Amino acid sequence: GRGSCFGCKPAPTIKVATNSPMFHRMRDDMDINAGVILEGRSVEEVGTEIFEMIVATASGQQTLSEQQGIGDEEFCPWTSGPIF
């Protein structure tokens, strides 16, 4: 992914960075750094971290986007046409 700032209040958005440079560049908005797989962590470890974040979010813990108030005006159940 390109690391866009997106949040959605009706449906919390868990942001998973696909690489560590993007995670560090967007640290305030990325919930999980999957780039650590290339640095030696196992897919299973990162998968567990993602699963635990899903459970925590479903239990009421706010995502980083929610903590920053991102998503108040961004809800779109579907998009017609390209997104740039």
N, C-alpha and C. Protein backbone atom coordinates (compact mmCIF):
# COMPACT_ATOMS: atom_id res chain seq x y z
N GLY A 1 0.81 -1.19 0.00
CA GLY A 1 0.00 0.00 0.00
C GLY A 1 0.85 1.25 0.00
N ARG A 2 0.21 2.34 -0.30
CA ARG A 2 0.92 3.62 -0.36
C ARG A 2 0.89 4.38 0.95
N GLY A 3 0.08 3.89 1.91
CA GLY A 3 0.05 4.54 3.20
C GLY A 3 -0.82 5.77 3.24
N SER A 4 -2.04 5.66 2.73
CA SER A 4 -2.93 6.82 2.74
C SER A 4 -3.54 7.00 4.13
N CYS A 5 -3.79 8.24 4.50
CA CYS A 5 -4.46 8.55 5.76
C CYS A 5 -5.95 8.37 5.55
N PHE A 6 -6.48 7.29 6.06
CA PHE A 6 -7.91 7.01 5.92
C PHE A 6 -8.42 6.43 7.21
N GLY A 7 -9.57 6.85 7.61
CA GLY A 7 -10.24 6.29 8.76
C GLY A 7 -11.73 6.28 8.47
N CYS A 8 -12.47 5.53 9.24
CA CYS A 8 -13.91 5.43 8.99
C CYS A 8 -14.61 5.13 10.31
N LYS A 9 -15.28 6.13 10.87
CA LYS A 9 -15.92 5.96 12.18
C LYS A 9 -16.92 4.80 12.24
N PRO A 10 -17.82 4.63 11.25
CA PRO A 10 -18.76 3.51 11.38
C PRO A 10 -18.09 2.14 11.39
N ALA A 11 -16.95 2.02 10.74
CA ALA A 11 -16.23 0.75 10.67
C ALA A 11 -14.74 1.05 10.86
N PRO A 12 -14.21 0.86 12.07
CA PRO A 12 -12.80 1.19 12.33
C PRO A 12 -11.86 0.55 11.31
N THR A 13 -10.84 1.31 10.93
CA THR A 13 -9.87 0.86 9.95
C THR A 13 -8.56 0.55 10.64
N ILE A 14 -8.14 -0.71 10.61
CA ILE A 14 -6.84 -1.11 11.15
C ILE A 14 -5.83 -0.97 10.03
N LYS A 15 -4.84 -0.13 10.23
CA LYS A 15 -3.85 0.14 9.18
C LYS A 15 -2.64 -0.76 9.38
N VAL A 16 -2.34 -1.56 8.37
CA VAL A 16 -1.19 -2.46 8.39
C VAL A 16 -0.19 -1.96 7.36
N ALA A 17 0.96 -1.51 7.82
CA ALA A 17 2.02 -1.04 6.92
C ALA A 17 2.70 -2.24 6.30
N THR A 18 2.88 -2.19 4.99
CA THR A 18 3.49 -3.31 4.27
C THR A 18 5.01 -3.28 4.31
N ASN A 19 5.57 -2.15 4.74
CA ASN A 19 7.03 -2.06 4.83
C ASN A 19 7.41 -1.12 5.97
N SER A 20 8.58 -1.34 6.54
CA SER A 20 9.01 -0.58 7.71
C SER A 20 9.24 0.90 7.43
N PRO A 21 9.84 1.29 6.28
CA PRO A 21 10.00 2.73 6.03
C PRO A 21 8.67 3.48 6.05
N MET A 22 7.64 2.90 5.44
CA MET A 22 6.33 3.55 5.46
C MET A 22 5.78 3.60 6.88
N PHE A 23 5.94 2.52 7.64
CA PHE A 23 5.46 2.49 9.02
C PHE A 23 6.10 3.62 9.82
N HIS A 24 7.41 3.79 9.69
CA HIS A 24 8.10 4.83 10.46
C HIS A 24 7.73 6.23 9.96
N ARG A 25 7.52 6.37 8.68
CA ARG A 25 7.14 7.67 8.11
C ARG A 25 5.73 8.07 8.56
N MET A 26 4.86 7.08 8.73
CA MET A 26 3.46 7.35 9.08
C MET A 26 3.10 6.74 10.44
N ARG A 27 4.04 6.71 11.34
CA ARG A 27 3.91 6.05 12.64
C ARG A 27 2.63 6.45 13.40
N ASP A 28 2.21 7.71 13.27
CA ASP A 28 1.04 8.17 14.01
C ASP A 28 -0.27 7.61 13.47
N ASP A 29 -0.25 7.01 12.28
CA ASP A 29 -1.49 6.53 11.66
C ASP A 29 -1.46 5.04 11.32
N MET A 30 -0.33 4.37 11.51
CA MET A 30 -0.23 2.95 11.19
C MET A 30 -0.31 2.12 12.47
N ASP A 31 -1.21 1.16 12.50
CA ASP A 31 -1.42 0.35 13.70
C ASP A 31 -0.41 -0.79 13.81
N ILE A 32 -0.03 -1.38 12.69
CA ILE A 32 0.84 -2.56 12.70
C ILE A 32 1.88 -2.45 11.60
N ASN A 33 3.10 -2.87 11.91
CA ASN A 33 4.19 -2.88 10.93
C ASN A 33 4.43 -4.31 10.46
N ALA A 34 3.89 -4.65 9.29
CA ALA A 34 4.12 -5.99 8.73
C ALA A 34 5.47 -6.07 8.03
N GLY A 35 6.14 -4.95 7.85
CA GLY A 35 7.46 -4.93 7.24
C GLY A 35 8.50 -5.68 8.05
N VAL A 36 8.20 -5.92 9.33
CA VAL A 36 9.16 -6.65 10.17
C VAL A 36 9.32 -8.10 9.73
N ILE A 37 8.42 -8.58 8.90
CA ILE A 37 8.57 -9.94 8.36
C ILE A 37 9.86 -10.03 7.55
N LEU A 38 10.16 -8.98 6.80
CA LEU A 38 11.40 -8.95 6.01
C LEU A 38 12.63 -8.80 6.90
N GLU A 39 12.41 -8.41 8.15
CA GLU A 39 13.52 -8.21 9.09
C GLU A 39 13.70 -9.40 10.03
N GLY A 40 12.92 -10.47 9.81
CA GLY A 40 13.15 -11.68 10.59
C GLY A 40 11.98 -12.19 11.42
N ARG A 41 10.96 -11.38 11.65
CA ARG A 41 9.80 -11.90 12.38
C ARG A 41 9.01 -12.83 11.48
N SER A 42 8.37 -13.80 12.07
CA SER A 42 7.64 -14.77 11.26
C SER A 42 6.26 -14.23 10.86
N VAL A 43 5.75 -14.78 9.79
CA VAL A 43 4.40 -14.43 9.33
C VAL A 43 3.40 -14.77 10.43
N GLU A 44 3.62 -15.88 11.12
CA GLU A 44 2.72 -16.28 12.20
C GLU A 44 2.70 -15.25 13.32
N GLU A 45 3.87 -14.72 13.70
CA GLU A 45 3.93 -13.70 14.76
C GLU A 45 3.16 -12.45 14.37
N VAL A 46 3.37 -11.99 13.16
CA VAL A 46 2.69 -10.78 12.70
C VAL A 46 1.20 -11.07 12.53
N GLY A 47 0.87 -12.25 12.05
CA GLY A 47 -0.54 -12.65 11.94
C GLY A 47 -1.24 -12.64 13.29
N THR A 48 -0.54 -13.12 14.31
CA THR A 48 -1.09 -13.09 15.67
C THR A 48 -1.29 -11.66 16.14
N GLU A 49 -0.33 -10.79 15.85
CA GLU A 49 -0.46 -9.38 16.22
C GLU A 49 -1.68 -8.75 15.53
N ILE A 50 -1.88 -9.07 14.26
CA ILE A 50 -3.04 -8.54 13.52
C ILE A 50 -4.33 -9.08 14.14
N PHE A 51 -4.37 -10.38 14.41
CA PHE A 51 -5.56 -10.98 15.01
C PHE A 51 -5.88 -10.33 16.35
N GLU A 52 -4.85 -10.14 17.18
CA GLU A 52 -5.06 -9.52 18.49
C GLU A 52 -5.56 -8.09 18.36
N MET A 53 -5.09 -7.38 17.34
CA MET A 53 -5.56 -6.01 17.10
C MET A 53 -7.03 -6.03 16.67
N ILE A 54 -7.40 -7.00 15.86
CA ILE A 54 -8.81 -7.12 15.44
C ILE A 54 -9.70 -7.36 16.66
N VAL A 55 -9.29 -8.27 17.53
CA VAL A 55 -10.08 -8.57 18.73
C VAL A 55 -10.17 -7.34 19.63
N ALA A 56 -9.05 -6.65 19.83
CA ALA A 56 -9.04 -5.45 20.68
C ALA A 56 -9.93 -4.36 20.10
N THR A 57 -9.87 -4.18 18.78
CA THR A 57 -10.70 -3.15 18.13
C THR A 57 -12.17 -3.52 18.23
N ALA A 58 -12.49 -4.79 18.02
CA ALA A 58 -13.88 -5.24 18.14
C ALA A 58 -14.38 -5.11 19.58
N SER A 59 -13.45 -5.09 20.53
CA SER A 59 -13.81 -4.96 21.95
C SER A 59 -13.85 -3.51 22.41
N GLY A 60 -13.59 -2.57 21.50
CA GLY A 60 -13.72 -1.16 21.85
C GLY A 60 -12.45 -0.34 21.83
N GLN A 61 -11.28 -0.98 21.71
CA GLN A 61 -10.04 -0.21 21.64
C GLN A 61 -10.01 0.59 20.34
N GLN A 62 -9.66 1.86 20.42
CA GLN A 62 -9.61 2.69 19.22
C GLN A 62 -8.36 2.43 18.41
N THR A 63 -8.51 2.49 17.09
CA THR A 63 -7.35 2.43 16.20
C THR A 63 -6.66 3.79 16.25
N LEU A 64 -5.46 3.87 15.70
CA LEU A 64 -4.74 5.15 15.70
C LEU A 64 -5.50 6.21 14.92
N SER A 65 -6.13 5.83 13.81
CA SER A 65 -6.93 6.79 13.04
C SER A 65 -8.07 7.34 13.88
N GLU A 66 -8.73 6.47 14.63
CA GLU A 66 -9.82 6.93 15.49
C GLU A 66 -9.31 7.86 16.58
N GLN A 67 -8.16 7.55 17.16
CA GLN A 67 -7.60 8.39 18.22
C GLN A 67 -7.32 9.80 17.72
N GLN A 68 -7.01 9.92 16.43
CA GLN A 68 -6.70 11.23 15.85
C GLN A 68 -7.94 11.92 15.28
N GLY A 69 -9.07 11.25 15.31
CA GLY A 69 -10.29 11.84 14.77
C GLY A 69 -10.40 11.73 13.26
N ILE A 70 -9.55 10.91 12.65
CA ILE A 70 -9.63 10.71 11.20
C ILE A 70 -10.81 9.80 10.91
N GLY A 71 -11.64 10.18 9.98
CA GLY A 71 -12.76 9.35 9.58
C GLY A 71 -14.12 9.95 9.88
N ASP A 72 -14.14 11.12 10.50
CA ASP A 72 -15.42 11.76 10.81
C ASP A 72 -16.21 12.07 9.55
N GLU A 73 -15.53 12.39 8.47
CA GLU A 73 -16.22 12.83 7.26
C GLU A 73 -15.83 12.00 6.03
N GLU A 74 -15.23 10.84 6.24
CA GLU A 74 -14.71 10.07 5.12
C GLU A 74 -15.53 8.84 4.76
N PHE A 75 -16.60 8.57 5.46
CA PHE A 75 -17.34 7.34 5.22
C PHE A 75 -17.96 7.32 3.83
N CYS A 76 -17.68 6.28 3.09
CA CYS A 76 -18.27 6.09 1.76
C CYS A 76 -18.46 4.58 1.60
N PRO A 77 -19.71 4.10 1.64
CA PRO A 77 -19.92 2.65 1.59
C PRO A 77 -19.43 2.02 0.29
N TRP A 78 -19.37 2.78 -0.77
CA TRP A 78 -18.78 2.31 -2.03
C TRP A 78 -18.36 3.52 -2.83
N THR A 79 -17.44 3.32 -3.72
CA THR A 79 -16.93 4.41 -4.55
C THR A 79 -17.18 4.07 -6.01
N SER A 80 -17.77 5.01 -6.72
CA SER A 80 -17.92 4.80 -8.16
C SER A 80 -16.82 5.58 -8.85
N GLY A 81 -16.01 4.90 -9.59
CA GLY A 81 -14.90 5.55 -10.27
C GLY A 81 -13.59 5.36 -9.53
N PRO A 82 -12.50 5.80 -10.14
CA PRO A 82 -11.17 5.61 -9.55
C PRO A 82 -10.93 6.52 -8.35
N ILE A 83 -10.03 6.09 -7.48
CA ILE A 83 -9.59 6.89 -6.33
C ILE A 83 -8.14 7.24 -6.56
N PHE A 84 -7.82 8.50 -6.50
CA PHE A 84 -6.44 8.95 -6.72
C PHE A 84 -5.86 9.52 -5.47
